[in-house]
Amino acid sequence: HAADGGRRGDKARKLVRTVDSKSVRQWCDAALGKASLKAVQNLLKCYRAATHLGEDDDAESLYFDSVLFNELMHFVLKHVDSIFRKALHVGPGAIGANAEKVFSSAKWKKV
């Protein structure tokens, strides 16, 4: 329809990516073993896409099978807090007392 400015056709061409278990396992290994923030970023993008499935019509879609979805959820919920704490050099329970110091640090902006 000419009145919609071609938007209807644009939505039909939305990018859909399949996330495979090999990539997720590599990111998990890199996040835990090498403290790779890029791997954590990839995992969190997938986590967000998985938890907001169907909400963002304009965003790119990621496809997960149910086993991979469960692995991703388990990893993020179990490990991301400790990965962030390690990257920020903050121990368990330390953020509450030093929140302002942690949130204003240069490392916080990087993480």
PDB file of N, CA and C in Angstrom:
ATOM      1  N   HIS A   1       0.848  -1.178   0.000  1.00  0.00           N
ATOM      2  CA  HIS A   1       0.000   0.000   0.000  1.00  0.00           C
ATOM      3  C   HIS A   1       0.887   1.232   0.000  1.00  0.00           C
ATOM      4  N   ALA A   2       0.623   2.191  -0.858  1.00  0.00           N
ATOM      5  CA  ALA A   2       1.481   3.365  -1.013  1.00  0.00           C
ATOM      6  C   ALA A   2       1.475   4.257   0.222  1.00  0.00           C
ATOM      7  N   ALA A   3       0.377   4.278   0.978  1.00  0.00           N
ATOM      8  CA  ALA A   3       0.265   5.171   2.131  1.00  0.00           C
ATOM      9  C   ALA A   3       1.173   4.770   3.292  1.00  0.00           C
ATOM     10  N   ASP A   4       1.587   3.519   3.335  1.00  0.00           N
ATOM     11  CA  ASP A   4       2.412   3.106   4.477  1.00  0.00           C
ATOM     12  C   ASP A   4       3.901   3.334   4.229  1.00  0.00           C
ATOM     13  N   GLY A   5       4.261   3.927   3.114  1.00  0.00           N
ATOM     14  CA  GLY A   5       5.646   4.257   2.827  1.00  0.00           C
ATOM     15  C   GLY A   5       6.545   3.041   2.688  1.00  0.00           C
ATOM     16  N   GLY A   6       5.984   1.905   2.379  1.00  0.00           N
ATOM     17  CA  GLY A   6       6.784   0.697   2.213  1.00  0.00           C
ATOM     18  C   GLY A   6       7.136   0.007   3.508  1.00  0.00           C
ATOM     19  N   ARG A   7       6.635   0.478   4.609  1.00  0.00           N
ATOM     20  CA  ARG A   7       6.990  -0.104   5.903  1.00  0.00           C
ATOM     21  C   ARG A   7       6.532  -1.538   6.051  1.00  0.00           C
ATOM     22  N   ARG A   8       5.393  -1.853   5.524  1.00  0.00           N
ATOM     23  CA  ARG A   8       4.889  -3.217   5.637  1.00  0.00           C
ATOM     24  C   ARG A   8       5.886  -4.200   5.013  1.00  0.00           C
ATOM     25  N   GLY A   9       6.426  -3.844   3.867  1.00  0.00           N
ATOM     26  CA  GLY A   9       7.417  -4.694   3.214  1.00  0.00           C
ATOM     27  C   GLY A   9       8.706  -4.778   4.007  1.00  0.00           C
ATOM     28  N   ASP A  10       9.096  -3.692   4.680  1.00  0.00           N
ATOM     29  CA  ASP A  10      10.315  -3.692   5.485  1.00  0.00           C
ATOM     30  C   ASP A  10      10.203  -4.678   6.649  1.00  0.00           C
ATOM     31  N   LYS A  11       9.045  -4.711   7.291  1.00  0.00           N
ATOM     32  CA  LYS A  11       8.859  -5.631   8.403  1.00  0.00           C
ATOM     33  C   LYS A  11       8.943  -7.081   7.941  1.00  0.00           C
ATOM     34  N   ALA A  12       8.495  -7.350   6.751  1.00  0.00           N
ATOM     35  CA  ALA A  12       8.550  -8.711   6.223  1.00  0.00           C
ATOM     36  C   ALA A  12       9.985  -9.157   5.979  1.00  0.00           C
ATOM     37  N   ARG A  13      10.895  -8.198   5.794  1.00  0.00           N
ATOM     38  CA  ARG A  13      12.298  -8.527   5.536  1.00  0.00           C
ATOM     39  C   ARG A  13      13.159  -8.432   6.791  1.00  0.00           C
ATOM     40  N   LYS A  14      12.563  -8.469   7.946  1.00  0.00           N
ATOM     41  CA  LYS A  14      13.292  -8.380   9.202  1.00  0.00           C
ATOM     42  C   LYS A  14      14.352  -9.482   9.269  1.00  0.00           C
ATOM     43  N   LEU A  15      15.521  -9.144   9.782  1.00  0.00           N
ATOM     44  CA  LEU A  15      16.633 -10.078   9.882  1.00  0.00           C
ATOM     45  C   LEU A  15      16.352 -11.124  10.954  1.00  0.00           C
ATOM     46  N   VAL A  16      16.479 -12.379  10.586  1.00  0.00           N
ATOM     47  CA  VAL A  16      16.308 -13.480  11.527  1.00  0.00           C
ATOM     48  C   VAL A  16      17.597 -14.283  11.539  1.00  0.00           C
ATOM     49  N   ARG A  17      18.163 -14.457  12.721  1.00  0.00           N
ATOM     50  CA  ARG A  17      19.405 -15.215  12.861  1.00  0.00           C
ATOM     51  C   ARG A  17      19.156 -16.432  13.732  1.00  0.00           C
ATOM     52  N   THR A  18      19.827 -17.503  13.373  1.00  0.00           N
ATOM     53  CA  THR A  18      19.774 -18.706  14.189  1.00  0.00           C
ATOM     54  C   THR A  18      21.012 -18.730  15.070  1.00  0.00           C
ATOM     55  N   VAL A  19      20.807 -18.912  16.345  1.00  0.00           N
ATOM     56  CA  VAL A  19      21.914 -19.005  17.284  1.00  0.00           C
ATOM     57  C   VAL A  19      22.172 -20.483  17.507  1.00  0.00           C
ATOM     58  N   ASP A  20      23.403 -20.914  17.239  1.00  0.00           N
ATOM     59  CA  ASP A  20      23.710 -22.333  17.376  1.00  0.00           C
ATOM     60  C   ASP A  20      24.416 -22.621  18.697  1.00  0.00           C
ATOM     61  N   SER A  21      24.351 -23.880  19.098  1.00  0.00           N
ATOM     62  CA  SER A  21      24.905 -24.281  20.389  1.00  0.00           C
ATOM     63  C   SER A  21      26.421 -24.119  20.431  1.00  0.00           C
ATOM     64  N   LYS A  22      27.087 -24.293  19.295  1.00  0.00           N
ATOM     65  CA  LYS A  22      28.547 -24.135  19.264  1.00  0.00           C
ATOM     66  C   LYS A  22      28.938 -22.707  19.632  1.00  0.00           C
ATOM     67  N   SER A  23      28.266 -21.729  19.060  1.00  0.00           N
ATOM     68  CA  SER A  23      28.566 -20.325  19.370  1.00  0.00           C
ATOM     69  C   SER A  23      28.308 -20.021  20.837  1.00  0.00           C
ATOM     70  N   VAL A  24      27.170 -20.464  21.343  1.00  0.00           N
ATOM     71  CA  VAL A  24      26.831 -20.195  22.741  1.00  0.00           C
ATOM     72  C   VAL A  24      27.840 -20.855  23.673  1.00  0.00           C
ATOM     73  N   ARG A  25      28.234 -22.066  23.395  1.00  0.00           N
ATOM     74  CA  ARG A  25      29.231 -22.738  24.248  1.00  0.00           C
ATOM     75  C   ARG A  25      30.583 -22.030  24.199  1.00  0.00           C
ATOM     76  N   GLN A  26      30.972 -21.557  23.018  1.00  0.00           N
ATOM     77  CA  GLN A  26      32.230 -20.805  22.905  1.00  0.00           C
ATOM     78  C   GLN A  26      32.163 -19.512  23.709  1.00  0.00           C
ATOM     79  N   TRP A  27      31.026 -18.822  23.634  1.00  0.00           N
ATOM     80  CA  TRP A  27      30.870 -17.594  24.408  1.00  0.00           C
ATOM     81  C   TRP A  27      30.888 -17.888  25.901  1.00  0.00           C
ATOM     82  N   CYS A  28      30.226 -18.962  26.311  1.00  0.00           N
ATOM     83  CA  CYS A  28      30.218 -19.337  27.731  1.00  0.00           C
ATOM     84  C   CYS A  28      31.637 -19.649  28.210  1.00  0.00           C
ATOM     85  N   ASP A  29      32.371 -20.427  27.434  1.00  0.00           N
ATOM     86  CA  ASP A  29      33.750 -20.768  27.797  1.00  0.00           C
ATOM     87  C   ASP A  29      34.629 -19.519  27.874  1.00  0.00           C
ATOM     88  N   ALA A  30      34.488 -18.628  26.903  1.00  0.00           N
ATOM     89  CA  ALA A  30      35.289 -17.402  26.889  1.00  0.00           C
ATOM     90  C   ALA A  30      34.907 -16.484  28.044  1.00  0.00           C
ATOM     91  N   ALA A  31      33.623 -16.420  28.361  1.00  0.00           N
ATOM     92  CA  ALA A  31      33.167 -15.566  29.458  1.00  0.00           C
ATOM     93  C   ALA A  31      33.688 -16.063  30.796  1.00  0.00           C
ATOM     94  N   LEU A  32      33.666 -17.366  31.001  1.00  0.00           N
ATOM     95  CA  LEU A  32      34.139 -17.928  32.269  1.00  0.00           C
ATOM     96  C   LEU A  32      35.659 -18.049  32.326  1.00  0.00           C
ATOM     97  N   GLY A  33      36.251 -18.586  31.281  1.00  0.00           N
ATOM     98  CA  GLY A  33      37.682 -18.874  31.299  1.00  0.00           C
ATOM     99  C   GLY A  33      38.571 -17.681  31.051  1.00  0.00           C
ATOM    100  N   LYS A  34      38.173 -16.829  30.118  1.00  0.00           N
ATOM    101  CA  LYS A  34      39.018 -15.704  29.720  1.00  0.00           C
ATOM    102  C   LYS A  34      38.476 -14.361  30.201  1.00  0.00           C
ATOM    103  N   ALA A  35      37.361 -14.393  30.901  1.00  0.00           N
ATOM    104  CA  ALA A  35      36.685 -13.166  31.351  1.00  0.00           C
ATOM    105  C   ALA A  35      36.457 -12.217  30.178  1.00  0.00           C
ATOM    106  N   SER A  36      36.049 -12.764  29.040  1.00  0.00           N
ATOM    107  CA  SER A  36      35.816 -11.983  27.823  1.00  0.00           C
ATOM    108  C   SER A  36      34.511 -11.208  27.922  1.00  0.00           C
ATOM    109  N   LEU A  37      34.634  -9.886  27.950  1.00  0.00           N
ATOM    110  CA  LEU A  37      33.437  -9.050  28.007  1.00  0.00           C
ATOM    111  C   LEU A  37      32.674  -9.080  26.695  1.00  0.00           C
ATOM    112  N   LYS A  38      33.356  -9.296  25.581  1.00  0.00           N
ATOM    113  CA  LYS A  38      32.676  -9.420  24.287  1.00  0.00           C
ATOM    114  C   LYS A  38      31.782 -10.666  24.286  1.00  0.00           C
ATOM    115  N   ALA A  39      32.284 -11.761  24.857  1.00  0.00           N
ATOM    116  CA  ALA A  39      31.474 -12.974  24.949  1.00  0.00           C
ATOM    117  C   ALA A  39      30.259 -12.745  25.841  1.00  0.00           C
ATOM    118  N   VAL A  40      30.457 -12.045  26.947  1.00  0.00           N
ATOM    119  CA  VAL A  40      29.336 -11.729  27.845  1.00  0.00           C
ATOM    120  C   VAL A  40      28.321 -10.854  27.113  1.00  0.00           C
ATOM    121  N   GLN A  41      28.813  -9.893  26.340  1.00  0.00           N
ATOM    122  CA  GLN A  41      27.922  -9.031  25.573  1.00  0.00           C
ATOM    123  C   GLN A  41      27.081  -9.862  24.599  1.00  0.00           C
ATOM    124  N   ASN A  42      27.703 -10.801  23.907  1.00  0.00           N
ATOM    125  CA  ASN A  42      26.961 -11.667  22.981  1.00  0.00           C
ATOM    126  C   ASN A  42      25.924 -12.502  23.717  1.00  0.00           C
ATOM    127  N   LEU A  43      26.302 -13.060  24.857  1.00  0.00           N
ATOM    128  CA  LEU A  43      25.366 -13.869  25.643  1.00  0.00           C
ATOM    129  C   LEU A  43      24.186 -13.032  26.133  1.00  0.00           C
ATOM    130  N   LEU A  44      24.469 -11.815  26.580  1.00  0.00           N
ATOM    131  CA  LEU A  44      23.388 -10.962  27.072  1.00  0.00           C
ATOM    132  C   LEU A  44      22.469 -10.487  25.958  1.00  0.00           C
ATOM    133  N   LYS A  45      23.015 -10.278  24.764  1.00  0.00           N
ATOM    134  CA  LYS A  45      22.154  -9.945  23.623  1.00  0.00           C
ATOM    135  C   LYS A  45      21.207 -11.101  23.326  1.00  0.00           C
ATOM    136  N   CYS A  46      21.738 -12.308  23.354  1.00  0.00           N
ATOM    137  CA  CYS A  46      20.898 -13.490  23.127  1.00  0.00           C
ATOM    138  C   CYS A  46      19.877 -13.658  24.243  1.00  0.00           C
ATOM    139  N   TYR A  47      20.314 -13.453  25.478  1.00  0.00           N
ATOM    140  CA  TYR A  47      19.427 -13.556  26.637  1.00  0.00           C
ATOM    141  C   TYR A  47      18.262 -12.561  26.502  1.00  0.00           C
ATOM    142  N   ARG A  48      18.599 -11.327  26.148  1.00  0.00           N
ATOM    143  CA  ARG A  48      17.557 -10.310  25.994  1.00  0.00           C
ATOM    144  C   ARG A  48      16.599 -10.690  24.874  1.00  0.00           C
ATOM    145  N   ALA A  49      17.147 -11.137  23.757  1.00  0.00           N
ATOM    146  CA  ALA A  49      16.290 -11.531  22.632  1.00  0.00           C
ATOM    147  C   ALA A  49      15.374 -12.688  23.027  1.00  0.00           C
ATOM    148  N   ALA A  50      15.925 -13.634  23.771  1.00  0.00           N
ATOM    149  CA  ALA A  50      15.142 -14.802  24.178  1.00  0.00           C
ATOM    150  C   ALA A  50      14.049 -14.431  25.173  1.00  0.00           C
ATOM    151  N   THR A  51      14.358 -13.532  26.090  1.00  0.00           N
ATOM    152  CA  THR A  51      13.372 -13.173  27.106  1.00  0.00           C
ATOM    153  C   THR A  51      12.349 -12.167  26.612  1.00  0.00           C
ATOM    154  N   HIS A  52      12.616 -11.517  25.486  1.00  0.00           N
ATOM    155  CA  HIS A  52      11.678 -10.554  24.914  1.00  0.00           C
ATOM    156  C   HIS A  52      11.145 -11.032  23.573  1.00  0.00           C
ATOM    157  N   LEU A  53      11.143 -12.319  23.368  1.00  0.00           N
ATOM    158  CA  LEU A  53      10.708 -12.906  22.112  1.00  0.00           C
ATOM    159  C   LEU A  53       9.310 -12.432  21.748  1.00  0.00           C
ATOM    160  N   GLY A  54       9.185 -11.851  20.558  1.00  0.00           N
ATOM    161  CA  GLY A  54       7.889 -11.402  20.066  1.00  0.00           C
ATOM    162  C   GLY A  54       7.496 -10.002  20.485  1.00  0.00           C
ATOM    163  N   GLU A  55       8.274  -9.350  21.354  1.00  0.00           N
ATOM    164  CA  GLU A  55       7.924  -8.004  21.812  1.00  0.00           C
ATOM    165  C   GLU A  55       8.377  -6.913  20.857  1.00  0.00           C
ATOM    166  N   ASP A  56       9.553  -7.044  20.278  1.00  0.00           N
ATOM    167  CA  ASP A  56      10.119  -6.012  19.404  1.00  0.00           C
ATOM    168  C   ASP A  56       9.928  -6.392  17.948  1.00  0.00           C
ATOM    169  N   ASP A  57       8.922  -5.824  17.315  1.00  0.00           N
ATOM    170  CA  ASP A  57       8.664  -6.133  15.910  1.00  0.00           C
ATOM    171  C   ASP A  57       9.741  -5.571  14.997  1.00  0.00           C
ATOM    172  N   ASP A  58      10.365  -4.472  15.397  1.00  0.00           N
ATOM    173  CA  ASP A  58      11.350  -3.831  14.539  1.00  0.00           C
ATOM    174  C   ASP A  58      12.767  -4.357  14.751  1.00  0.00           C
ATOM    175  N   ALA A  59      13.015  -5.063  15.823  1.00  0.00           N
ATOM    176  CA  ALA A  59      14.360  -5.547  16.131  1.00  0.00           C
ATOM    177  C   ALA A  59      14.664  -6.819  15.357  1.00  0.00           C
ATOM    178  N   GLU A  60      15.941  -7.124  15.271  1.00  0.00           N
ATOM    179  CA  GLU A  60      16.308  -8.376  14.609  1.00  0.00           C
ATOM    180  C   GLU A  60      15.871  -9.534  15.495  1.00  0.00           C
ATOM    181  N   SER A  61      15.506 -10.636  14.898  1.00  0.00           N
ATOM    182  CA  SER A  61      15.042 -11.795  15.648  1.00  0.00           C
ATOM    183  C   SER A  61      16.138 -12.840  15.720  1.00  0.00           C
ATOM    184  N   LEU A  62      16.189 -13.512  16.834  1.00  0.00           N
ATOM    185  CA  LEU A  62      17.111 -14.628  17.004  1.00  0.00           C
ATOM    186  C   LEU A  62      16.281 -15.874  17.231  1.00  0.00           C
ATOM    187  N   TYR A  63      16.697 -16.968  16.646  1.00  0.00           N
ATOM    188  CA  TYR A  63      15.975 -18.222  16.787  1.00  0.00           C
ATOM    189  C   TYR A  63      16.785 -19.155  17.674  1.00  0.00           C
ATOM    190  N   PHE A  64      16.134 -19.762  18.660  1.00  0.00           N
ATOM    191  CA  PHE A  64      16.754 -20.709  19.575  1.00  0.00           C
ATOM    192  C   PHE A  64      15.916 -21.976  19.605  1.00  0.00           C
ATOM    193  N   ASP A  65      16.566 -23.126  19.721  1.00  0.00           N
ATOM    194  CA  ASP A  65      15.775 -24.315  20.034  1.00  0.00           C
ATOM    195  C   ASP A  65      15.617 -24.351  21.553  1.00  0.00           C
ATOM    196  N   SER A  66      14.711 -25.161  22.060  1.00  0.00           N
ATOM    197  CA  SER A  66      14.371 -25.134  23.483  1.00  0.00           C
ATOM    198  C   SER A  66      15.534 -25.551  24.384  1.00  0.00           C
ATOM    199  N   VAL A  67      16.360 -26.486  23.940  1.00  0.00           N
ATOM    200  CA  VAL A  67      17.503 -26.926  24.750  1.00  0.00           C
ATOM    201  C   VAL A  67      18.517 -25.784  24.879  1.00  0.00           C
ATOM    202  N   LEU A  68      18.805 -25.126  23.786  1.00  0.00           N
ATOM    203  CA  LEU A  68      19.747 -24.010  23.799  1.00  0.00           C
ATOM    204  C   LEU A  68      19.189 -22.846  24.610  1.00  0.00           C
ATOM    205  N   PHE A  69      17.909 -22.594  24.484  1.00  0.00           N
ATOM    206  CA  PHE A  69      17.259 -21.548  25.278  1.00  0.00           C
ATOM    207  C   PHE A  69      17.479 -21.812  26.763  1.00  0.00           C
ATOM    208  N   ASN A  70      17.266 -23.055  27.191  1.00  0.00           N
ATOM    209  CA  ASN A  70      17.453 -23.409  28.604  1.00  0.00           C
ATOM    210  C   ASN A  70      18.909 -23.290  29.036  1.00  0.00           C
ATOM    211  N   GLU A  71      19.847 -23.701  28.196  1.00  0.00           N
ATOM    212  CA  GLU A  71      21.271 -23.575  28.521  1.00  0.00           C
ATOM    213  C   GLU A  71      21.656 -22.106  28.693  1.00  0.00           C
ATOM    214  N   LEU A  72      21.169 -21.271  27.792  1.00  0.00           N
ATOM    215  CA  LEU A  72      21.468 -19.846  27.842  1.00  0.00           C
ATOM    216  C   LEU A  72      20.903 -19.216  29.117  1.00  0.00           C
ATOM    217  N   MET A  73      19.655 -19.510  29.429  1.00  0.00           N
ATOM    218  CA  MET A  73      19.031 -18.965  30.640  1.00  0.00           C
ATOM    219  C   MET A  73      19.804 -19.400  31.887  1.00  0.00           C
ATOM    220  N   HIS A  74      20.133 -20.673  31.957  1.00  0.00           N
ATOM    221  CA  HIS A  74      20.846 -21.205  33.118  1.00  0.00           C
ATOM    222  C   HIS A  74      22.205 -20.519  33.272  1.00  0.00           C
ATOM    223  N   PHE A  75      22.959 -20.411  32.191  1.00  0.00           N
ATOM    224  CA  PHE A  75      24.284 -19.811  32.262  1.00  0.00           C
ATOM    225  C   PHE A  75      24.210 -18.363  32.735  1.00  0.00           C
ATOM    226  N   VAL A  76      23.344 -17.578  32.108  1.00  0.00           N
ATOM    227  CA  VAL A  76      23.257 -16.155  32.450  1.00  0.00           C
ATOM    228  C   VAL A  76      22.841 -15.968  33.896  1.00  0.00           C
ATOM    229  N   LEU A  77      21.808 -16.674  34.322  1.00  0.00           N
ATOM    230  CA  LEU A  77      21.332 -16.508  35.696  1.00  0.00           C
ATOM    231  C   LEU A  77      22.340 -17.006  36.731  1.00  0.00           C
ATOM    232  N   LYS A  78      23.116 -18.006  36.389  1.00  0.00           N
ATOM    233  CA  LYS A  78      24.078 -18.573  37.337  1.00  0.00           C
ATOM    234  C   LYS A  78      25.405 -17.819  37.362  1.00  0.00           C
ATOM    235  N   HIS A  79      25.890 -17.344  36.221  1.00  0.00           N
ATOM    236  CA  HIS A  79      27.271 -16.873  36.147  1.00  0.00           C
ATOM    237  C   HIS A  79      27.488 -15.384  35.898  1.00  0.00           C
ATOM    238  N   VAL A  80      26.541 -14.681  35.322  1.00  0.00           N
ATOM    239  CA  VAL A  80      26.821 -13.307  34.900  1.00  0.00           C
ATOM    240  C   VAL A  80      27.159 -12.390  36.079  1.00  0.00           C
ATOM    241  N   ASP A  81      26.499 -12.543  37.197  1.00  0.00           N
ATOM    242  CA  ASP A  81      26.810 -11.706  38.353  1.00  0.00           C
ATOM    243  C   ASP A  81      28.279 -11.857  38.750  1.00  0.00           C
ATOM    244  N   SER A  82      28.746 -13.090  38.850  1.00  0.00           N
ATOM    245  CA  SER A  82      30.142 -13.296  39.256  1.00  0.00           C
ATOM    246  C   SER A  82      31.125 -12.820  38.183  1.00  0.00           C
ATOM    247  N   ILE A  83      30.750 -12.921  36.914  1.00  0.00           N
ATOM    248  CA  ILE A  83      31.611 -12.418  35.833  1.00  0.00           C
ATOM    249  C   ILE A  83      31.728 -10.898  35.936  1.00  0.00           C
ATOM    250  N   PHE A  84      30.615 -10.208  36.160  1.00  0.00           N
ATOM    251  CA  PHE A  84      30.664  -8.755  36.326  1.00  0.00           C
ATOM    252  C   PHE A  84      31.488  -8.369  37.551  1.00  0.00           C
ATOM    253  N   ARG A  85      31.280  -9.071  38.651  1.00  0.00           N
ATOM    254  CA  ARG A  85      32.031  -8.765  39.870  1.00  0.00           C
ATOM    255  C   ARG A  85      33.533  -8.958  39.649  1.00  0.00           C
ATOM    256  N   LYS A  86      33.896 -10.015  38.937  1.00  0.00           N
ATOM    257  CA  LYS A  86      35.305 -10.270  38.645  1.00  0.00           C
ATOM    258  C   LYS A  86      35.878  -9.160  37.764  1.00  0.00           C
ATOM    259  N   ALA A  87      35.137  -8.756  36.747  1.00  0.00           N
ATOM    260  CA  ALA A  87      35.592  -7.697  35.844  1.00  0.00           C
ATOM    261  C   ALA A  87      35.736  -6.357  36.569  1.00  0.00           C
ATOM    262  N   LEU A  88      34.881  -6.129  37.559  1.00  0.00           N
ATOM    263  CA  LEU A  88      34.907  -4.879  38.319  1.00  0.00           C
ATOM    264  C   LEU A  88      35.797  -4.954  39.563  1.00  0.00           C
ATOM    265  N   HIS A  89      36.348  -6.143  39.823  1.00  0.00           N
ATOM    266  CA  HIS A  89      37.174  -6.385  41.021  1.00  0.00           C
ATOM    267  C   HIS A  89      36.389  -6.074  42.295  1.00  0.00           C
ATOM    268  N   VAL A  90      35.175  -6.607  42.353  1.00  0.00           N
ATOM    269  CA  VAL A  90      34.282  -6.395  43.486  1.00  0.00           C
ATOM    270  C   VAL A  90      33.856  -7.756  44.023  1.00  0.00           C
ATOM    271  N   GLY A  91      34.000  -7.948  45.312  1.00  0.00           N
ATOM    272  CA  GLY A  91      33.610  -9.215  45.925  1.00  0.00           C
ATOM    273  C   GLY A  91      32.123  -9.274  46.218  1.00  0.00           C
ATOM    274  N   PRO A  92      31.643 -10.456  46.619  1.00  0.00           N
ATOM    275  CA  PRO A  92      30.220 -10.612  46.963  1.00  0.00           C
ATOM    276  C   PRO A  92      29.816  -9.662  48.086  1.00  0.00           C
ATOM    277  N   GLY A  93      28.706  -8.989  47.913  1.00  0.00           N
ATOM    278  CA  GLY A  93      28.193  -8.090  48.938  1.00  0.00           C
ATOM    279  C   GLY A  93      28.884  -6.739  48.989  1.00  0.00           C
ATOM    280  N   ALA A  94      29.927  -6.535  48.220  1.00  0.00           N
ATOM    281  CA  ALA A  94      30.698  -5.297  48.300  1.00  0.00           C
ATOM    282  C   ALA A  94      30.043  -4.127  47.577  1.00  0.00           C
ATOM    283  N   ILE A  95      29.184  -4.392  46.631  1.00  0.00           N
ATOM    284  CA  ILE A  95      28.604  -3.291  45.855  1.00  0.00           C
ATOM    285  C   ILE A  95      27.683  -2.437  46.727  1.00  0.00           C
ATOM    286  N   GLY A  96      26.904  -3.041  47.600  1.00  0.00           N
ATOM    287  CA  GLY A  96      25.978  -2.274  48.435  1.00  0.00           C
ATOM    288  C   GLY A  96      26.664  -1.170  49.203  1.00  0.00           C
ATOM    289  N   ALA A  97      27.778  -1.494  49.835  1.00  0.00           N
ATOM    290  CA  ALA A  97      28.494  -0.525  50.648  1.00  0.00           C
ATOM    291  C   ALA A  97      29.250   0.493  49.800  1.00  0.00           C
ATOM    292  N   ASN A  98      29.684   0.084  48.628  1.00  0.00           N
ATOM    293  CA  ASN A  98      30.519   0.942  47.784  1.00  0.00           C
ATOM    294  C   ASN A  98      29.873   1.235  46.429  1.00  0.00           C
ATOM    295  N   ALA A  99      28.571   1.254  46.368  1.00  0.00           N
ATOM    296  CA  ALA A  99      27.866   1.382  45.085  1.00  0.00           C
ATOM    297  C   ALA A  99      28.294   2.621  44.316  1.00  0.00           C
ATOM    298  N   GLU A 100      28.350   3.754  44.974  1.00  0.00           N
ATOM    299  CA  GLU A 100      28.709   4.992  44.274  1.00  0.00           C
ATOM    300  C   GLU A 100      30.116   4.899  43.688  1.00  0.00           C
ATOM    301  N   LYS A 101      31.026   4.347  44.451  1.00  0.00           N
ATOM    302  CA  LYS A 101      32.411   4.191  43.992  1.00  0.00           C
ATOM    303  C   LYS A 101      32.481   3.249  42.783  1.00  0.00           C
ATOM    304  N   VAL A 102      31.766   2.134  42.844  1.00  0.00           N
ATOM    305  CA  VAL A 102      31.766   1.162  41.748  1.00  0.00           C
ATOM    306  C   VAL A 102      31.137   1.757  40.500  1.00  0.00           C
ATOM    307  N   PHE A 103      29.969   2.387  40.637  1.00  0.00           N
ATOM    308  CA  PHE A 103      29.237   2.904  39.481  1.00  0.00           C
ATOM    309  C   PHE A 103      29.917   4.104  38.817  1.00  0.00           C
ATOM    310  N   SER A 104      30.792   4.794  39.539  1.00  0.00           N
ATOM    311  CA  SER A 104      31.488   5.937  38.945  1.00  0.00           C
ATOM    312  C   SER A 104      32.884   5.570  38.432  1.00  0.00           C
ATOM    313  N   SER A 105      33.275   4.329  38.586  1.00  0.00           N
ATOM    314  CA  SER A 105      34.609   3.908  38.138  1.00  0.00           C
ATOM    315  C   SER A 105      34.674   3.786  36.614  1.00  0.00           C
ATOM    316  N   ALA A 106      35.884   3.902  36.079  1.00  0.00           N
ATOM    317  CA  ALA A 106      36.103   3.742  34.633  1.00  0.00           C
ATOM    318  C   ALA A 106      35.761   2.323  34.195  1.00  0.00           C
ATOM    319  N   LYS A 107      36.021   1.347  35.062  1.00  0.00           N
ATOM    320  CA  LYS A 107      35.719  -0.054  34.724  1.00  0.00           C
ATOM    321  C   LYS A 107      34.228  -0.257  34.542  1.00  0.00           C
ATOM    322  N   TRP A 108      33.398   0.409  35.342  1.00  0.00           N
ATOM    323  CA  TRP A 108      31.943   0.258  35.232  1.00  0.00           C
ATOM    324  C   TRP A 108      31.472   0.663  33.840  1.00  0.00           C
ATOM    325  N   LYS A 109      32.023   1.760  33.325  1.00  0.00           N
ATOM    326  CA  LYS A 109      31.626   2.222  31.999  1.00  0.00           C
ATOM    327  C   LYS A 109      32.030   1.228  30.927  1.00  0.00           C
ATOM    328  N   LYS A 110      33.156   0.547  31.113  1.00  0.00           N
ATOM    329  CA  LYS A 110      33.608  -0.448  30.145  1.00  0.00           C
ATOM    330  C   LYS A 110      32.742  -1.693  30.207  1.00  0.00           C
ATOM    331  N   VAL A 111      32.406  -2.123  31.424  1.00  0.00           N
ATOM    332  CA  VAL A 111      31.616  -3.328  31.618  1.00  0.00           C
ATOM    333  C   VAL A 111      30.190  -3.038  31.246  1.00  0.00           C
TER     334      VAL A 111
END
